């Protein structure tokens, strides 16, 4: 298997996994009225900062994975074009 595909899959999977985990934590932290509940102000600031940073990292991983997928498809397309150019169809016009 191509390493580009493996890295792309890992980046996409980890990016979506991080986003899912952060959003799930946020969902279960909400009260019935919709407000998030923290035990202290410091925890609120620290956890919000970590979640924001984690989401940015997840977005970067997703974009990186998509770029790797695009790169792989472009590479495969170029290989097909190169193979077609290397093996031209020879038609003998003067049969003997």
N, C-alpha and C. Protein backbone atom coordinates (compact mmCIF):
# COMPACT_ATOMS: atom_id res chain seq x y z
N UNK A 1 0.84 -1.18 0.00
CA UNK A 1 0.00 0.00 0.00
C UNK A 1 0.89 1.25 0.00
N UNK A 2 0.43 2.26 -0.66
CA UNK A 2 1.18 3.50 -0.80
C UNK A 2 1.23 4.26 0.53
N UNK A 3 2.42 4.73 0.94
CA UNK A 3 2.53 5.47 2.20
C UNK A 3 1.70 6.76 2.22
N UNK A 4 1.50 7.36 1.06
CA UNK A 4 0.70 8.58 1.00
C UNK A 4 -0.74 8.29 1.40
N UNK A 5 -1.26 7.17 0.95
CA UNK A 5 -2.63 6.79 1.31
C UNK A 5 -2.75 6.48 2.80
N UNK A 6 -1.74 5.82 3.35
CA UNK A 6 -1.77 5.48 4.77
C UNK A 6 -1.73 6.75 5.61
N UNK A 7 -0.81 7.66 5.28
CA UNK A 7 -0.72 8.92 6.03
C UNK A 7 -1.99 9.74 5.88
N UNK A 8 -2.56 9.74 4.69
CA UNK A 8 -3.80 10.48 4.46
C UNK A 8 -4.92 9.92 5.33
N UNK A 9 -5.04 8.61 5.35
CA UNK A 9 -6.08 7.98 6.16
C UNK A 9 -5.89 8.24 7.64
N UNK A 10 -4.64 8.15 8.10
CA UNK A 10 -4.37 8.42 9.52
C UNK A 10 -4.68 9.87 9.89
N UNK A 11 -4.28 10.80 9.02
CA UNK A 11 -4.53 12.22 9.30
C UNK A 11 -6.03 12.51 9.34
N UNK A 12 -6.77 11.99 8.37
CA UNK A 12 -8.21 12.22 8.34
C UNK A 12 -8.91 11.57 9.53
N UNK A 13 -8.53 10.34 9.82
CA UNK A 13 -9.15 9.63 10.93
C UNK A 13 -8.87 10.31 12.27
N UNK A 14 -7.62 10.71 12.48
CA UNK A 14 -7.30 11.36 13.75
C UNK A 14 -7.94 12.75 13.83
N UNK A 15 -8.00 13.48 12.72
CA UNK A 15 -8.62 14.80 12.73
C UNK A 15 -10.10 14.73 13.05
N UNK A 16 -10.81 13.82 12.40
CA UNK A 16 -12.24 13.67 12.69
C UNK A 16 -12.46 13.09 14.08
N UNK A 17 -11.56 12.22 14.51
CA UNK A 17 -11.67 11.64 15.86
C UNK A 17 -11.51 12.69 16.95
N UNK A 18 -10.55 13.59 16.78
CA UNK A 18 -10.34 14.67 17.76
C UNK A 18 -11.56 15.58 17.81
N UNK A 19 -12.07 15.96 16.63
CA UNK A 19 -13.26 16.81 16.60
C UNK A 19 -14.44 16.14 17.29
N UNK A 20 -14.65 14.86 17.02
CA UNK A 20 -15.75 14.13 17.64
C UNK A 20 -15.60 14.09 19.15
N UNK A 21 -14.40 13.79 19.63
CA UNK A 21 -14.15 13.68 21.06
C UNK A 21 -14.39 15.02 21.77
N UNK A 22 -13.91 16.11 21.19
CA UNK A 22 -14.09 17.43 21.80
C UNK A 22 -15.57 17.81 21.81
N UNK A 23 -16.26 17.61 20.70
CA UNK A 23 -17.68 17.96 20.65
C UNK A 23 -18.51 17.10 21.60
N UNK A 24 -18.14 15.84 21.76
CA UNK A 24 -18.85 14.96 22.68
C UNK A 24 -18.66 15.42 24.12
N UNK A 25 -17.43 15.78 24.48
CA UNK A 25 -17.17 16.29 25.83
C UNK A 25 -17.98 17.55 26.10
N UNK A 26 -18.02 18.44 25.11
CA UNK A 26 -18.78 19.68 25.25
C UNK A 26 -20.27 19.40 25.43
N UNK A 27 -20.79 18.45 24.69
CA UNK A 27 -22.20 18.10 24.75
C UNK A 27 -22.57 17.58 26.14
N UNK A 28 -21.78 16.67 26.68
CA UNK A 28 -22.10 16.08 27.98
C UNK A 28 -21.80 17.01 29.15
N UNK A 29 -21.11 18.10 28.91
CA UNK A 29 -20.84 19.06 29.97
C UNK A 29 -22.00 20.06 30.11
N UNK A 30 -22.91 20.09 29.18
CA UNK A 30 -24.00 21.06 29.22
C UNK A 30 -25.09 20.63 30.19
N UNK A 31 -25.69 21.64 30.80
CA UNK A 31 -26.82 21.40 31.71
C UNK A 31 -28.11 21.35 30.89
N UNK A 32 -29.23 21.01 31.51
CA UNK A 32 -30.51 20.98 30.77
C UNK A 32 -30.88 22.34 30.17
N UNK A 33 -30.36 23.42 30.73
CA UNK A 33 -30.66 24.75 30.20
C UNK A 33 -29.73 25.13 29.05
N UNK A 34 -28.70 24.34 28.79
CA UNK A 34 -27.80 24.60 27.67
C UNK A 34 -26.50 25.27 28.05
N UNK A 35 -26.32 25.61 29.32
CA UNK A 35 -25.09 26.26 29.75
C UNK A 35 -24.06 25.20 30.14
N UNK A 36 -22.79 25.47 29.82
CA UNK A 36 -21.73 24.54 30.20
C UNK A 36 -21.41 24.75 31.68
N UNK A 37 -21.15 23.66 32.37
CA UNK A 37 -20.86 23.77 33.81
C UNK A 37 -19.43 23.33 34.09
N UNK A 38 -18.71 24.18 34.82
CA UNK A 38 -17.34 23.91 35.24
C UNK A 38 -17.28 24.07 36.75
N UNK A 39 -16.32 23.39 37.37
CA UNK A 39 -16.20 23.50 38.83
C UNK A 39 -15.51 24.79 39.25
N UNK A 40 -14.72 25.40 38.36
CA UNK A 40 -14.07 26.67 38.71
C UNK A 40 -13.82 27.48 37.44
N UNK A 41 -13.54 28.75 37.65
CA UNK A 41 -13.27 29.65 36.53
C UNK A 41 -11.98 29.24 35.81
N UNK A 42 -10.98 28.87 36.58
CA UNK A 42 -9.69 28.49 36.00
C UNK A 42 -9.84 27.26 35.09
N UNK A 43 -10.63 26.29 35.56
CA UNK A 43 -10.87 25.10 34.74
C UNK A 43 -11.60 25.48 33.46
N UNK A 44 -12.53 26.39 33.57
CA UNK A 44 -13.28 26.84 32.40
C UNK A 44 -12.35 27.44 31.35
N UNK A 45 -11.47 28.33 31.79
CA UNK A 45 -10.56 28.99 30.86
C UNK A 45 -9.58 27.98 30.26
N UNK A 46 -9.02 27.13 31.11
CA UNK A 46 -8.02 26.16 30.65
C UNK A 46 -8.62 25.14 29.68
N UNK A 47 -9.78 24.60 30.03
CA UNK A 47 -10.41 23.59 29.17
C UNK A 47 -10.88 24.21 27.86
N UNK A 48 -11.42 25.42 27.92
CA UNK A 48 -11.84 26.09 26.69
C UNK A 48 -10.65 26.34 25.77
N UNK A 49 -9.52 26.75 26.35
CA UNK A 49 -8.31 26.98 25.56
C UNK A 49 -7.83 25.67 24.92
N UNK A 50 -7.79 24.59 25.70
CA UNK A 50 -7.35 23.30 25.17
C UNK A 50 -8.27 22.80 24.07
N UNK A 51 -9.57 22.98 24.26
CA UNK A 51 -10.51 22.53 23.24
C UNK A 51 -10.39 23.34 21.96
N UNK A 52 -10.19 24.64 22.10
CA UNK A 52 -10.02 25.49 20.93
C UNK A 52 -8.75 25.10 20.17
N UNK A 53 -7.67 24.88 20.92
CA UNK A 53 -6.41 24.47 20.30
C UNK A 53 -6.55 23.09 19.65
N UNK A 54 -7.22 22.18 20.33
CA UNK A 54 -7.45 20.85 19.78
C UNK A 54 -8.25 20.88 18.50
N UNK A 55 -9.25 21.75 18.44
CA UNK A 55 -10.04 21.85 17.21
C UNK A 55 -9.20 22.39 16.05
N UNK A 56 -8.33 23.36 16.33
CA UNK A 56 -7.45 23.88 15.28
C UNK A 56 -6.50 22.79 14.78
N UNK A 57 -5.98 21.99 15.70
CA UNK A 57 -5.11 20.88 15.31
C UNK A 57 -5.89 19.87 14.47
N UNK A 58 -7.13 19.60 14.86
CA UNK A 58 -7.96 18.67 14.10
C UNK A 58 -8.23 19.20 12.69
N UNK A 59 -8.52 20.49 12.57
CA UNK A 59 -8.75 21.08 11.25
C UNK A 59 -7.49 20.98 10.38
N UNK A 60 -6.33 21.23 10.98
CA UNK A 60 -5.07 21.13 10.24
C UNK A 60 -4.84 19.69 9.77
N UNK A 61 -5.12 18.72 10.64
CA UNK A 61 -4.97 17.32 10.25
C UNK A 61 -5.92 16.94 9.11
N UNK A 62 -7.14 17.43 9.17
CA UNK A 62 -8.11 17.12 8.12
C UNK A 62 -7.66 17.73 6.79
N UNK A 63 -7.22 18.97 6.81
CA UNK A 63 -6.74 19.62 5.59
C UNK A 63 -5.51 18.89 5.05
N UNK A 64 -4.59 18.51 5.95
CA UNK A 64 -3.40 17.77 5.55
C UNK A 64 -3.78 16.43 4.90
N UNK A 65 -4.74 15.74 5.49
CA UNK A 65 -5.20 14.47 4.92
C UNK A 65 -5.82 14.64 3.55
N UNK A 66 -6.62 15.69 3.39
CA UNK A 66 -7.23 15.95 2.08
C UNK A 66 -6.18 16.31 1.03
N UNK A 67 -5.18 17.09 1.43
CA UNK A 67 -4.10 17.43 0.50
C UNK A 67 -3.31 16.19 0.10
N UNK A 68 -3.08 15.29 1.04
CA UNK A 68 -2.39 14.04 0.70
C UNK A 68 -3.22 13.19 -0.26
N UNK A 69 -4.52 13.14 -0.05
CA UNK A 69 -5.39 12.40 -0.98
C UNK A 69 -5.34 13.01 -2.38
N UNK A 70 -5.39 14.33 -2.44
CA UNK A 70 -5.32 15.02 -3.72
C UNK A 70 -3.97 14.75 -4.39
N UNK A 71 -2.90 14.79 -3.61
CA UNK A 71 -1.56 14.52 -4.13
C UNK A 71 -1.47 13.10 -4.68
N UNK A 72 -2.04 12.15 -3.97
CA UNK A 72 -2.02 10.75 -4.42
C UNK A 72 -2.78 10.59 -5.73
N UNK A 73 -3.96 11.21 -5.83
CA UNK A 73 -4.74 11.08 -7.06
C UNK A 73 -4.03 11.75 -8.23
N UNK A 74 -3.40 12.89 -7.97
CA UNK A 74 -2.64 13.59 -9.02
C UNK A 74 -1.46 12.74 -9.48
N UNK A 75 -0.78 12.10 -8.52
CA UNK A 75 0.36 11.24 -8.84
C UNK A 75 -0.09 10.05 -9.69
N UNK A 76 -1.19 9.43 -9.35
CA UNK A 76 -1.69 8.29 -10.12
C UNK A 76 -2.10 8.72 -11.53
N UNK A 77 -2.69 9.90 -11.63
CA UNK A 77 -3.09 10.41 -12.94
C UNK A 77 -1.86 10.67 -13.81
N UNK A 78 -0.81 11.26 -13.22
CA UNK A 78 0.42 11.53 -13.97
C UNK A 78 1.09 10.24 -14.42
N UNK A 79 1.03 9.20 -13.59
CA UNK A 79 1.62 7.92 -13.96
C UNK A 79 0.89 7.32 -15.16
N UNK A 80 -0.44 7.42 -15.16
CA UNK A 80 -1.22 6.89 -16.29
C UNK A 80 -0.90 7.64 -17.58
N UNK A 81 -0.77 8.96 -17.49
CA UNK A 81 -0.45 9.76 -18.67
C UNK A 81 0.95 9.41 -19.17
N UNK A 82 1.89 9.23 -18.26
CA UNK A 82 3.26 8.90 -18.62
C UNK A 82 3.33 7.53 -19.30
N UNK A 83 2.58 6.57 -18.79
CA UNK A 83 2.56 5.24 -19.39
C UNK A 83 1.97 5.31 -20.80
N UNK A 84 0.94 6.10 -20.98
CA UNK A 84 0.33 6.22 -22.30
C UNK A 84 1.28 6.88 -23.30
N UNK A 85 2.10 7.82 -22.83
CA UNK A 85 3.04 8.49 -23.72
C UNK A 85 4.23 7.60 -24.06
N UNK A 86 4.63 6.73 -23.14
CA UNK A 86 5.79 5.87 -23.37
C UNK A 86 5.49 4.74 -24.35
N UNK A 87 4.29 4.27 -24.38
CA UNK A 87 3.93 3.14 -25.24
C UNK A 87 3.00 3.64 -26.34
N UNK A 88 3.57 4.27 -27.37
CA UNK A 88 2.71 4.76 -28.45
C UNK A 88 2.22 3.61 -29.32
N UNK A 89 1.11 3.82 -29.93
CA UNK A 89 0.55 2.82 -30.83
C UNK A 89 1.27 2.93 -32.16
N UNK A 90 1.94 1.85 -32.57
CA UNK A 90 2.67 1.86 -33.84
C UNK A 90 1.82 1.17 -34.90
N UNK A 91 1.58 1.91 -35.93
CA UNK A 91 0.78 1.38 -37.02
C UNK A 91 1.68 1.30 -38.25
N UNK A 92 1.90 0.11 -38.72
CA UNK A 92 2.77 -0.09 -39.88
C UNK A 92 2.00 0.28 -41.14
N UNK A 93 2.48 1.29 -41.84
CA UNK A 93 1.77 1.76 -43.02
C UNK A 93 2.19 1.03 -44.30
N UNK A 94 3.35 0.44 -44.28
CA UNK A 94 3.83 -0.28 -45.46
C UNK A 94 3.98 -1.76 -45.15
N UNK A 95 2.90 -2.50 -45.23
CA UNK A 95 3.03 -3.94 -44.94
C UNK A 95 3.79 -4.65 -46.05
N UNK A 96 4.58 -5.62 -45.69
CA UNK A 96 5.39 -6.35 -46.68
C UNK A 96 4.85 -7.71 -46.93
